[in-house]
């Protein structure tokens, strides 16, 4: 199995995809080595969709006061840069590798062409990964917003509700048009 396919197998949303379909999707990505590099820059035009293969990335945002704040840390198997693909907007955060890292890179124009014209079994797999990544990011943002509201005294916790972190979105919860997945 191609190393790119091995990396993609770790991406939430791509678990259980048959090897031939995953191999075909993997061939769309380039494997690149980077060192302390900004892969996405907040406010910049997007250029690619990424999957962290090895190493670590930090995600940061700029506050209205101009201070850079770390908002997340990514580990291998994380798909990122997807919001710009879906919204066609600028980058919403900066993603920087910490030390040496290997990433899979798919230029956005190629990702859009693949989604529009690619074989159904490949586009379904990519759409599934994009849906899961977006749902996970939304769940994390919702949880963070609720925690900030509580800490700022804007709301009080309801003792009848759990204050536990939101569960990760499970693949089984994602409905897909292709019944094989």
N, C-alpha and C. Protein backbone atom coordinates (compact mmCIF):
# COMPACT_ATOMS: atom_id res chain seq x y z
N UNK A 1 0.85 -1.18 0.00
CA UNK A 1 0.00 0.00 0.00
C UNK A 1 0.89 1.24 0.00
N UNK A 2 0.55 2.19 -0.80
CA UNK A 2 1.23 3.47 -0.90
C UNK A 2 1.22 4.17 0.47
N UNK A 3 2.34 4.81 0.86
CA UNK A 3 2.41 5.50 2.15
C UNK A 3 1.31 6.55 2.27
N UNK A 4 0.97 7.22 1.18
CA UNK A 4 -0.10 8.22 1.20
C UNK A 4 -1.42 7.58 1.61
N UNK A 5 -1.70 6.39 1.12
CA UNK A 5 -2.94 5.69 1.49
C UNK A 5 -2.90 5.29 2.96
N UNK A 6 -1.73 4.89 3.45
CA UNK A 6 -1.59 4.54 4.87
C UNK A 6 -1.92 5.74 5.74
N UNK A 7 -1.46 6.92 5.34
CA UNK A 7 -1.76 8.16 6.08
C UNK A 7 -3.25 8.45 6.02
N UNK A 8 -3.83 8.37 4.83
CA UNK A 8 -5.26 8.69 4.68
C UNK A 8 -6.14 7.73 5.48
N UNK A 9 -5.70 6.51 5.67
CA UNK A 9 -6.49 5.55 6.44
C UNK A 9 -6.71 6.03 7.88
N UNK A 10 -5.84 6.91 8.38
CA UNK A 10 -5.95 7.44 9.74
C UNK A 10 -6.88 8.64 9.84
N UNK A 11 -7.31 9.18 8.70
CA UNK A 11 -8.15 10.38 8.69
C UNK A 11 -9.58 10.01 9.09
N UNK A 12 -10.12 10.65 10.15
CA UNK A 12 -11.52 10.38 10.49
C UNK A 12 -12.41 10.63 9.26
N UNK A 13 -13.28 9.67 9.01
CA UNK A 13 -14.13 9.74 7.83
C UNK A 13 -13.64 8.82 6.72
N UNK A 14 -12.39 8.39 6.81
CA UNK A 14 -11.86 7.49 5.79
C UNK A 14 -11.60 6.08 6.32
N UNK A 15 -11.91 5.85 7.61
CA UNK A 15 -11.77 4.50 8.15
C UNK A 15 -12.69 3.57 7.38
N UNK A 16 -12.21 2.41 7.05
CA UNK A 16 -13.07 1.42 6.43
C UNK A 16 -13.29 1.59 4.93
N UNK A 17 -12.69 2.60 4.33
CA UNK A 17 -12.83 2.76 2.89
C UNK A 17 -12.04 1.63 2.23
N UNK A 18 -12.61 0.93 1.27
CA UNK A 18 -11.87 -0.17 0.62
C UNK A 18 -10.53 0.31 0.04
N UNK A 19 -9.53 -0.54 0.14
CA UNK A 19 -8.17 -0.18 -0.28
C UNK A 19 -8.08 0.37 -1.70
N UNK A 20 -8.75 -0.21 -2.69
CA UNK A 20 -8.61 0.35 -4.04
C UNK A 20 -9.10 1.80 -4.15
N UNK A 21 -10.20 2.11 -3.46
CA UNK A 21 -10.72 3.49 -3.48
C UNK A 21 -9.78 4.43 -2.75
N UNK A 22 -9.26 3.97 -1.61
CA UNK A 22 -8.33 4.80 -0.85
C UNK A 22 -7.04 5.03 -1.62
N UNK A 23 -6.54 4.01 -2.29
CA UNK A 23 -5.34 4.15 -3.11
C UNK A 23 -5.55 5.18 -4.22
N UNK A 24 -6.72 5.13 -4.84
CA UNK A 24 -7.01 6.08 -5.93
C UNK A 24 -7.06 7.51 -5.40
N UNK A 25 -7.69 7.71 -4.24
CA UNK A 25 -7.73 9.04 -3.63
C UNK A 25 -6.31 9.48 -3.25
N UNK A 26 -5.53 8.58 -2.69
CA UNK A 26 -4.17 8.89 -2.23
C UNK A 26 -3.29 9.40 -3.37
N UNK A 27 -3.49 8.88 -4.56
CA UNK A 27 -2.67 9.31 -5.70
C UNK A 27 -2.88 10.78 -6.05
N UNK A 28 -3.94 11.39 -5.56
CA UNK A 28 -4.20 12.81 -5.80
C UNK A 28 -3.32 13.71 -4.93
N UNK A 29 -2.80 13.19 -3.83
CA UNK A 29 -2.02 13.97 -2.87
C UNK A 29 -0.52 13.85 -3.14
N UNK A 30 0.21 14.93 -2.80
CA UNK A 30 1.68 14.91 -2.79
C UNK A 30 2.14 14.79 -1.35
N UNK A 31 3.18 14.02 -1.10
CA UNK A 31 3.77 13.91 0.23
C UNK A 31 4.95 14.87 0.28
N UNK A 32 4.92 15.82 1.23
CA UNK A 32 6.00 16.79 1.33
C UNK A 32 6.56 16.83 2.75
N UNK A 33 7.85 17.13 2.85
CA UNK A 33 8.51 17.30 4.14
C UNK A 33 8.68 18.79 4.40
N UNK A 34 8.37 19.22 5.61
CA UNK A 34 8.48 20.64 5.97
C UNK A 34 9.11 20.77 7.35
N UNK A 35 9.64 21.94 7.64
CA UNK A 35 10.26 22.22 8.93
C UNK A 35 9.82 23.61 9.37
N UNK A 36 9.10 23.68 10.50
CA UNK A 36 8.65 24.96 11.05
C UNK A 36 8.06 25.86 9.97
N UNK A 37 7.09 25.35 9.24
CA UNK A 37 6.53 26.07 8.10
C UNK A 37 5.07 26.44 8.34
N UNK A 38 4.68 27.62 7.85
CA UNK A 38 3.27 28.01 7.84
C UNK A 38 2.62 27.37 6.62
N UNK A 39 1.72 26.44 6.86
CA UNK A 39 1.02 25.77 5.77
C UNK A 39 -0.24 26.54 5.38
N UNK A 40 -0.86 27.18 6.34
CA UNK A 40 -2.02 28.05 6.13
C UNK A 40 -1.75 29.33 6.90
N UNK A 41 -2.07 30.47 6.30
CA UNK A 41 -1.87 31.75 6.96
C UNK A 41 -3.20 32.48 7.05
N UNK A 42 -3.58 32.82 8.28
CA UNK A 42 -4.85 33.51 8.52
C UNK A 42 -4.99 34.73 7.60
N UNK A 43 -6.13 34.83 6.93
CA UNK A 43 -6.43 35.95 6.06
C UNK A 43 -5.90 35.81 4.64
N UNK A 44 -5.06 34.81 4.40
CA UNK A 44 -4.46 34.63 3.07
C UNK A 44 -5.37 33.78 2.18
N UNK A 45 -5.15 33.92 0.90
CA UNK A 45 -5.86 33.07 -0.06
C UNK A 45 -5.38 31.63 0.11
N UNK A 46 -6.28 30.68 0.06
CA UNK A 46 -5.88 29.28 0.23
C UNK A 46 -5.22 28.73 -1.02
N UNK A 47 -4.37 27.72 -0.80
CA UNK A 47 -3.72 27.08 -1.94
C UNK A 47 -3.87 25.57 -1.94
N UNK A 48 -4.12 24.98 -0.75
CA UNK A 48 -4.16 23.52 -0.70
C UNK A 48 -4.97 23.02 0.50
N UNK A 49 -5.33 21.77 0.40
CA UNK A 49 -5.94 20.99 1.47
C UNK A 49 -4.82 20.10 2.00
N UNK A 50 -4.77 19.86 3.31
CA UNK A 50 -3.65 19.12 3.90
C UNK A 50 -4.12 18.01 4.81
N UNK A 51 -3.26 17.00 4.96
CA UNK A 51 -3.42 15.97 5.98
C UNK A 51 -2.06 15.84 6.65
N UNK A 52 -2.03 15.96 7.97
CA UNK A 52 -0.78 15.80 8.71
C UNK A 52 -0.44 14.31 8.77
N UNK A 53 0.70 13.95 8.19
CA UNK A 53 1.15 12.55 8.16
C UNK A 53 2.02 12.23 9.37
N UNK A 54 2.98 13.09 9.66
CA UNK A 54 3.90 12.90 10.78
C UNK A 54 4.24 14.27 11.36
N UNK A 55 4.47 14.30 12.66
CA UNK A 55 4.84 15.54 13.31
C UNK A 55 3.66 16.18 14.02
N UNK A 56 3.78 17.50 14.18
CA UNK A 56 2.79 18.24 14.96
C UNK A 56 2.59 19.60 14.33
N UNK A 57 1.36 20.10 14.39
CA UNK A 57 1.04 21.45 13.91
C UNK A 57 0.30 22.20 15.00
N UNK A 58 0.54 23.50 15.06
CA UNK A 58 -0.23 24.37 15.95
C UNK A 58 -1.11 25.27 15.10
N UNK A 59 -2.33 25.48 15.60
CA UNK A 59 -3.29 26.35 14.93
C UNK A 59 -3.42 27.60 15.79
N UNK A 60 -3.31 28.77 15.17
CA UNK A 60 -3.44 30.03 15.93
C UNK A 60 -4.34 30.99 15.18
N UNK A 61 -4.90 31.91 15.96
CA UNK A 61 -5.74 32.98 15.41
C UNK A 61 -5.26 34.29 16.00
N UNK A 62 -5.60 35.38 15.34
CA UNK A 62 -5.24 36.70 15.82
C UNK A 62 -6.46 37.34 16.47
N UNK A 63 -6.27 37.86 17.69
CA UNK A 63 -7.37 38.52 18.39
C UNK A 63 -7.59 39.90 17.77
N UNK A 64 -8.74 40.52 18.06
CA UNK A 64 -8.98 41.88 17.56
C UNK A 64 -7.89 42.87 18.00
N UNK A 65 -7.23 42.58 19.13
CA UNK A 65 -6.16 43.43 19.61
C UNK A 65 -4.80 43.14 18.97
N UNK A 66 -4.77 42.16 18.05
CA UNK A 66 -3.54 41.84 17.35
C UNK A 66 -2.68 40.78 17.99
N UNK A 67 -3.15 40.18 19.08
CA UNK A 67 -2.37 39.14 19.75
C UNK A 67 -2.64 37.78 19.10
N UNK A 68 -1.58 37.01 18.88
CA UNK A 68 -1.71 35.68 18.30
C UNK A 68 -1.97 34.69 19.42
N UNK A 69 -3.02 33.88 19.29
CA UNK A 69 -3.42 32.93 20.32
C UNK A 69 -3.50 31.53 19.72
N UNK A 70 -2.86 30.59 20.38
CA UNK A 70 -2.95 29.20 19.93
C UNK A 70 -4.33 28.67 20.28
N UNK A 71 -5.00 28.11 19.30
CA UNK A 71 -6.35 27.61 19.53
C UNK A 71 -6.46 26.09 19.43
N UNK A 72 -5.47 25.45 18.83
CA UNK A 72 -5.52 23.99 18.71
C UNK A 72 -4.15 23.45 18.37
N UNK A 73 -4.00 22.16 18.59
CA UNK A 73 -2.80 21.44 18.18
C UNK A 73 -3.28 20.25 17.36
N UNK A 74 -2.66 20.02 16.22
CA UNK A 74 -3.06 18.93 15.34
C UNK A 74 -2.08 17.78 15.46
N UNK A 75 -2.60 16.59 15.34
CA UNK A 75 -1.77 15.39 15.39
C UNK A 75 -1.94 14.63 14.08
N UNK A 76 -1.08 13.64 13.84
CA UNK A 76 -1.16 12.89 12.59
C UNK A 76 -2.56 12.34 12.33
N UNK A 77 -2.97 12.45 11.08
CA UNK A 77 -4.29 12.02 10.66
C UNK A 77 -5.29 13.16 10.55
N UNK A 78 -4.90 14.36 11.01
CA UNK A 78 -5.82 15.50 10.92
C UNK A 78 -5.85 16.06 9.51
N UNK A 79 -7.05 16.26 9.01
CA UNK A 79 -7.26 16.93 7.73
C UNK A 79 -7.50 18.40 8.06
N UNK A 80 -6.83 19.32 7.36
CA UNK A 80 -7.05 20.74 7.62
C UNK A 80 -6.92 21.55 6.34
N UNK A 81 -7.41 22.79 6.41
CA UNK A 81 -7.47 23.63 5.23
C UNK A 81 -8.77 23.41 4.46
N UNK A 82 -9.67 22.61 5.03
CA UNK A 82 -10.91 22.24 4.36
C UNK A 82 -11.94 23.35 4.31
N UNK A 83 -11.94 24.26 5.29
CA UNK A 83 -12.96 25.31 5.27
C UNK A 83 -12.83 26.20 4.05
N UNK A 84 -11.61 26.49 3.66
CA UNK A 84 -11.41 27.32 2.46
C UNK A 84 -11.88 26.60 1.20
N UNK A 85 -11.75 25.30 1.19
CA UNK A 85 -12.25 24.52 0.06
C UNK A 85 -13.77 24.61 0.00
N UNK A 86 -14.42 24.52 1.15
CA UNK A 86 -15.87 24.51 1.20
C UNK A 86 -16.49 25.89 1.02
N UNK A 87 -15.83 26.92 1.55
CA UNK A 87 -16.41 28.27 1.52
C UNK A 87 -15.85 29.15 0.42
N UNK A 88 -14.72 28.75 -0.13
CA UNK A 88 -13.99 29.55 -1.12
C UNK A 88 -13.58 30.91 -0.54
N UNK A 89 -13.40 30.95 0.78
CA UNK A 89 -12.97 32.18 1.45
C UNK A 89 -11.49 32.11 1.80
N UNK A 90 -11.03 33.12 2.53
CA UNK A 90 -9.64 33.17 2.96
C UNK A 90 -9.44 32.25 4.16
N UNK A 91 -8.20 32.00 4.49
CA UNK A 91 -7.87 31.15 5.63
C UNK A 91 -8.38 31.79 6.91
N UNK A 92 -8.97 30.97 7.78
CA UNK A 92 -9.52 31.47 9.04
C UNK A 92 -8.53 31.36 10.19
N UNK A 93 -7.40 30.70 9.97
CA UNK A 93 -6.41 30.52 11.02
C UNK A 93 -5.05 30.25 10.36
N UNK A 94 -4.02 30.36 11.18
CA UNK A 94 -2.68 30.00 10.74
C UNK A 94 -2.37 28.61 11.27
N UNK A 95 -1.86 27.74 10.41
CA UNK A 95 -1.44 26.40 10.81
C UNK A 95 0.05 26.30 10.51
N UNK A 96 0.84 26.06 11.57
CA UNK A 96 2.30 26.02 11.46
C UNK A 96 2.81 24.69 11.99
N UNK A 97 3.72 24.08 11.24
CA UNK A 97 4.34 22.87 11.75
C UNK A 97 5.30 23.24 12.87
N UNK A 98 5.41 22.36 13.84
CA UNK A 98 6.33 22.56 14.96
C UNK A 98 7.43 21.52 14.79
N UNK A 99 8.59 21.99 14.33
CA UNK A 99 9.67 21.07 14.03
C UNK A 99 9.43 20.39 12.69
N UNK A 100 10.08 19.26 12.49
CA UNK A 100 9.92 18.56 11.21
C UNK A 100 8.55 17.89 11.13
N UNK A 101 7.99 17.90 9.94
CA UNK A 101 6.68 17.27 9.72
C UNK A 101 6.59 16.80 8.28
N UNK A 102 5.73 15.82 8.07
CA UNK A 102 5.38 15.36 6.72
C UNK A 102 3.89 15.58 6.57
N UNK A 103 3.51 16.13 5.44
CA UNK A 103 2.09 16.37 5.18
C UNK A 103 1.74 15.91 3.77
N UNK A 104 0.49 15.52 3.63
CA UNK A 104 -0.08 15.28 2.32
C UNK A 104 -0.69 16.60 1.87
N UNK A 105 -0.48 16.95 0.63
CA UNK A 105 -0.98 18.23 0.11
C UNK A 105 -1.76 17.96 -1.17
N UNK A 106 -2.94 18.56 -1.25
CA UNK A 106 -3.76 18.49 -2.46
C UNK A 106 -4.14 19.92 -2.82
N UNK A 107 -3.58 20.46 -3.91
CA UNK A 107 -3.92 21.84 -4.30
C UNK A 107 -5.45 22.00 -4.42
N UNK A 108 -5.95 23.16 -3.97
CA UNK A 108 -7.40 23.35 -3.94
C UNK A 108 -8.04 23.25 -5.31
N UNK A 109 -7.38 23.75 -6.35
CA UNK A 109 -7.99 23.63 -7.68
C UNK A 109 -8.12 22.16 -8.08
N UNK A 110 -7.15 21.34 -7.71
CA UNK A 110 -7.24 19.91 -8.00
C UNK A 110 -8.30 19.24 -7.14
N UNK A 111 -8.44 19.68 -5.88
CA UNK A 111 -9.47 19.12 -5.00
C UNK A 111 -10.86 19.46 -5.55
N UNK A 112 -11.03 20.71 -5.99
CA UNK A 112 -12.33 21.10 -6.56
C UNK A 112 -12.63 20.31 -7.83
N UNK A 113 -11.63 20.13 -8.68
CA UNK A 113 -11.83 19.36 -9.92
C UNK A 113 -12.16 17.90 -9.59
N UNK A 114 -11.48 17.36 -8.59
CA UNK A 114 -11.75 15.98 -8.19
C UNK A 114 -13.18 15.84 -7.68
N UNK A 115 -13.61 16.77 -6.83
CA UNK A 115 -14.97 16.71 -6.30
C UNK A 115 -16.02 16.88 -7.40
N UNK A 116 -15.71 17.67 -8.39
CA UNK A 116 -16.67 17.94 -9.46
C UNK A 116 -16.69 16.83 -10.51
N UNK A 117 -15.53 16.32 -10.88
CA UNK A 117 -15.43 15.41 -12.03
C UNK A 117 -14.89 14.03 -11.71
N UNK A 118 -14.48 13.79 -10.48
CA UNK A 118 -13.84 12.51 -10.15
C UNK A 118 -14.83 11.36 -10.09
N UNK A 119 -14.31 10.15 -10.05
CA UNK A 119 -15.17 8.97 -9.93
C UNK A 119 -15.94 9.01 -8.60
N UNK A 120 -17.17 8.56 -8.62
CA UNK A 120 -18.04 8.63 -7.45
C UNK A 120 -17.41 7.99 -6.21
N UNK A 121 -16.77 6.84 -6.35
CA UNK A 121 -16.20 6.17 -5.19
C UNK A 121 -15.07 6.98 -4.56
N UNK A 122 -14.36 7.78 -5.35
CA UNK A 122 -13.29 8.63 -4.82
C UNK A 122 -13.87 9.91 -4.25
N UNK A 123 -14.79 10.54 -4.96
CA UNK A 123 -15.38 11.79 -4.47
C UNK A 123 -16.20 11.54 -3.21
N UNK A 124 -16.87 10.40 -3.13
CA UNK A 124 -17.63 10.08 -1.91
C UNK A 124 -16.72 9.96 -0.71
N UNK A 125 -15.57 9.34 -0.89
CA UNK A 125 -14.62 9.20 0.21
C UNK A 125 -14.10 10.57 0.65
N UNK A 126 -13.75 11.43 -0.30
CA UNK A 126 -13.25 12.77 0.04
C UNK A 126 -14.35 13.59 0.71
N UNK A 127 -15.56 13.54 0.17
CA UNK A 127 -16.67 14.28 0.80
C UNK A 127 -16.90 13.82 2.23
N UNK A 128 -16.83 12.53 2.44
CA UNK A 128 -17.02 11.98 3.78
C UNK A 128 -15.98 12.56 4.74
N UNK A 129 -14.72 12.58 4.34
CA UNK A 129 -13.67 13.13 5.19
C UNK A 129 -13.89 14.62 5.45
N UNK A 130 -14.33 15.36 4.44
CA UNK A 130 -14.60 16.79 4.60
C UNK A 130 -15.75 17.03 5.57
N UNK A 131 -16.80 16.22 5.46
CA UNK A 131 -17.95 16.36 6.37
C UNK A 131 -17.53 16.08 7.81
N UNK A 132 -16.79 15.00 8.02
CA UNK A 132 -16.38 14.64 9.38
C UNK A 132 -15.45 15.72 9.95
N UNK A 133 -14.48 16.21 9.15
CA UNK A 133 -13.57 17.25 9.64
C UNK A 133 -14.33 18.52 10.01
N UNK A 134 -15.30 18.90 9.19
CA UNK A 134 -16.09 20.11 9.47
C UNK A 134 -16.95 19.92 10.72
N UNK A 135 -17.58 18.75 10.85
CA UNK A 135 -18.41 18.47 12.02
C UNK A 135 -17.58 18.47 13.30
N UNK A 136 -16.39 17.89 13.26
CA UNK A 136 -15.52 17.87 14.43
C UNK A 136 -15.07 19.28 14.81
N UNK A 137 -14.75 20.09 13.79
CA UNK A 137 -14.33 21.46 14.06
C UNK A 137 -15.48 22.27 14.64
N UNK A 138 -16.68 22.08 14.12
CA UNK A 138 -17.85 22.78 14.65
C UNK A 138 -18.14 22.37 16.08
N UNK A 139 -18.04 21.07 16.38
CA UNK A 139 -18.28 20.60 17.75
C UNK A 139 -17.26 21.21 18.71
N UNK A 140 -16.00 21.27 18.31
CA UNK A 140 -14.96 21.85 19.16
C UNK A 140 -15.20 23.34 19.36
N UNK A 141 -15.59 24.05 18.31
CA UNK A 141 -15.84 25.49 18.41
C UNK A 141 -17.05 25.76 19.31
N UNK A 142 -18.07 24.94 19.19
CA UNK A 142 -19.27 25.10 20.02
C UNK A 142 -18.92 24.90 21.49
N UNK A 143 -18.14 23.87 21.76
CA UNK A 143 -17.73 23.61 23.15
C UNK A 143 -16.88 24.76 23.69
N UNK A 144 -15.93 25.25 22.91
CA UNK A 144 -15.07 26.36 23.33
C UNK A 144 -15.90 27.62 23.59
N UNK A 145 -16.85 27.90 22.72
CA UNK A 145 -17.71 29.07 22.88
C UNK A 145 -18.52 28.97 24.17
N UNK A 146 -19.06 27.79 24.46
CA UNK A 146 -19.82 27.61 25.70
C UNK A 146 -18.93 27.79 26.92
N UNK A 147 -17.71 27.27 26.87
CA UNK A 147 -16.78 27.43 27.99
C UNK A 147 -16.41 28.90 28.19
N UNK A 148 -16.18 29.62 27.11
CA UNK A 148 -15.86 31.05 27.21
C UNK A 148 -17.04 31.83 27.79
N UNK A 149 -18.24 31.51 27.36
CA UNK A 149 -19.43 32.19 27.88
C UNK A 149 -19.59 31.93 29.37
N UNK A 150 -19.36 30.69 29.80
CA UNK A 150 -19.45 30.37 31.23
C UNK A 150 -18.38 31.11 32.03
N UNK A 151 -17.13 31.10 31.51
CA UNK A 151 -16.04 31.74 32.26
C UNK A 151 -16.20 33.26 32.30
N UNK A 152 -16.88 33.84 31.32
CA UNK A 152 -17.11 35.29 31.31
C UNK A 152 -18.36 35.67 32.09
N UNK A 153 -19.05 34.68 32.63
CA UNK A 153 -20.26 34.95 33.41
C UNK A 153 -21.46 35.32 32.55
N UNK A 154 -21.41 35.00 31.28
CA UNK A 154 -22.52 35.32 30.38
C UNK A 154 -23.65 34.31 30.48
N UNK A 155 -23.36 33.18 31.08
CA UNK A 155 -24.39 32.17 31.32
C UNK A 155 -23.95 31.34 32.52
N UNK A 156 -24.90 30.67 33.10
CA UNK A 156 -24.58 29.78 34.20
C UNK A 156 -24.87 28.35 33.76
N UNK A 157 -24.04 27.43 34.18
CA UNK A 157 -24.27 26.04 33.78
C UNK A 157 -25.58 25.52 34.34
N UNK A 158 -26.29 24.75 33.58
CA UNK A 158 -27.50 24.08 34.02
C UNK A 158 -27.08 22.78 34.68
N UNK A 159 -27.33 22.64 36.01
CA UNK A 159 -26.87 21.44 36.71
C UNK A 159 -27.47 20.16 36.13
N UNK A 160 -28.59 20.27 35.45
CA UNK A 160 -29.22 19.08 34.87
C UNK A 160 -28.51 18.62 33.61
N UNK A 161 -27.67 19.48 33.04
CA UNK A 161 -26.96 19.13 31.82
C UNK A 161 -25.51 18.79 32.15
N UNK A 162 -24.95 17.92 31.38
CA UNK A 162 -23.56 17.52 31.55
C UNK A 162 -22.63 18.66 31.16
N UNK A 163 -21.56 18.84 31.91
CA UNK A 163 -20.55 19.83 31.53
C UNK A 163 -19.35 19.15 30.90
N UNK A 164 -19.52 17.87 30.57
CA UNK A 164 -18.44 17.13 29.93
C UNK A 164 -18.23 17.66 28.51
N UNK A 165 -17.01 17.53 28.00
CA UNK A 165 -16.76 17.95 26.61
C UNK A 165 -17.67 17.20 25.64
N UNK A 166 -17.98 17.85 24.55
CA UNK A 166 -18.81 17.21 23.53
C UNK A 166 -18.09 16.00 22.95
N UNK A 167 -18.82 14.93 22.68
CA UNK A 167 -18.17 13.76 22.10
C UNK A 167 -17.74 14.04 20.67
N UNK A 168 -16.71 13.35 20.25
CA UNK A 168 -16.27 13.47 18.86
C UNK A 168 -17.36 12.90 17.96
N UNK A 169 -17.50 13.46 16.80
CA UNK A 169 -18.47 12.95 15.84
C UNK A 169 -17.98 11.59 15.35
N UNK A 170 -18.83 10.61 15.45
CA UNK A 170 -18.48 9.27 15.01
C UNK A 170 -18.86 9.12 13.54
N UNK A 171 -18.09 8.34 12.83
CA UNK A 171 -18.37 8.14 11.41
C UNK A 171 -19.76 7.59 11.17
N UNK A 172 -20.25 6.76 12.05
CA UNK A 172 -21.56 6.15 11.86
C UNK A 172 -22.68 7.20 11.88
N UNK A 173 -22.40 8.37 12.45
CA UNK A 173 -23.40 9.42 12.54
C UNK A 173 -23.52 10.22 11.24
N UNK A 174 -22.60 10.03 10.33
CA UNK A 174 -22.58 10.80 9.09
C UNK A 174 -23.37 10.04 8.03
N UNK A 175 -24.43 10.66 7.53
CA UNK A 175 -25.22 10.03 6.49
C UNK A 175 -24.61 10.35 5.14
N UNK A 176 -24.51 9.36 4.32
CA UNK A 176 -23.88 9.53 3.02
C UNK A 176 -24.82 9.05 1.93
N UNK A 177 -24.68 9.64 0.75
CA UNK A 177 -25.50 9.24 -0.38
C UNK A 177 -25.12 7.86 -0.89
N UNK A 178 -23.89 7.47 -0.75
CA UNK A 178 -23.43 6.18 -1.21
C UNK A 178 -23.67 5.14 -0.12
N UNK A 179 -24.58 4.20 -0.31
CA UNK A 179 -24.94 3.26 0.76
C UNK A 179 -23.82 2.31 1.17
N UNK A 180 -22.75 2.18 0.37
CA UNK A 180 -21.64 1.31 0.78
C UNK A 180 -20.96 1.84 2.02
N UNK A 181 -21.06 3.17 2.30
CA UNK A 181 -20.37 3.76 3.44
C UNK A 181 -21.38 4.33 4.38
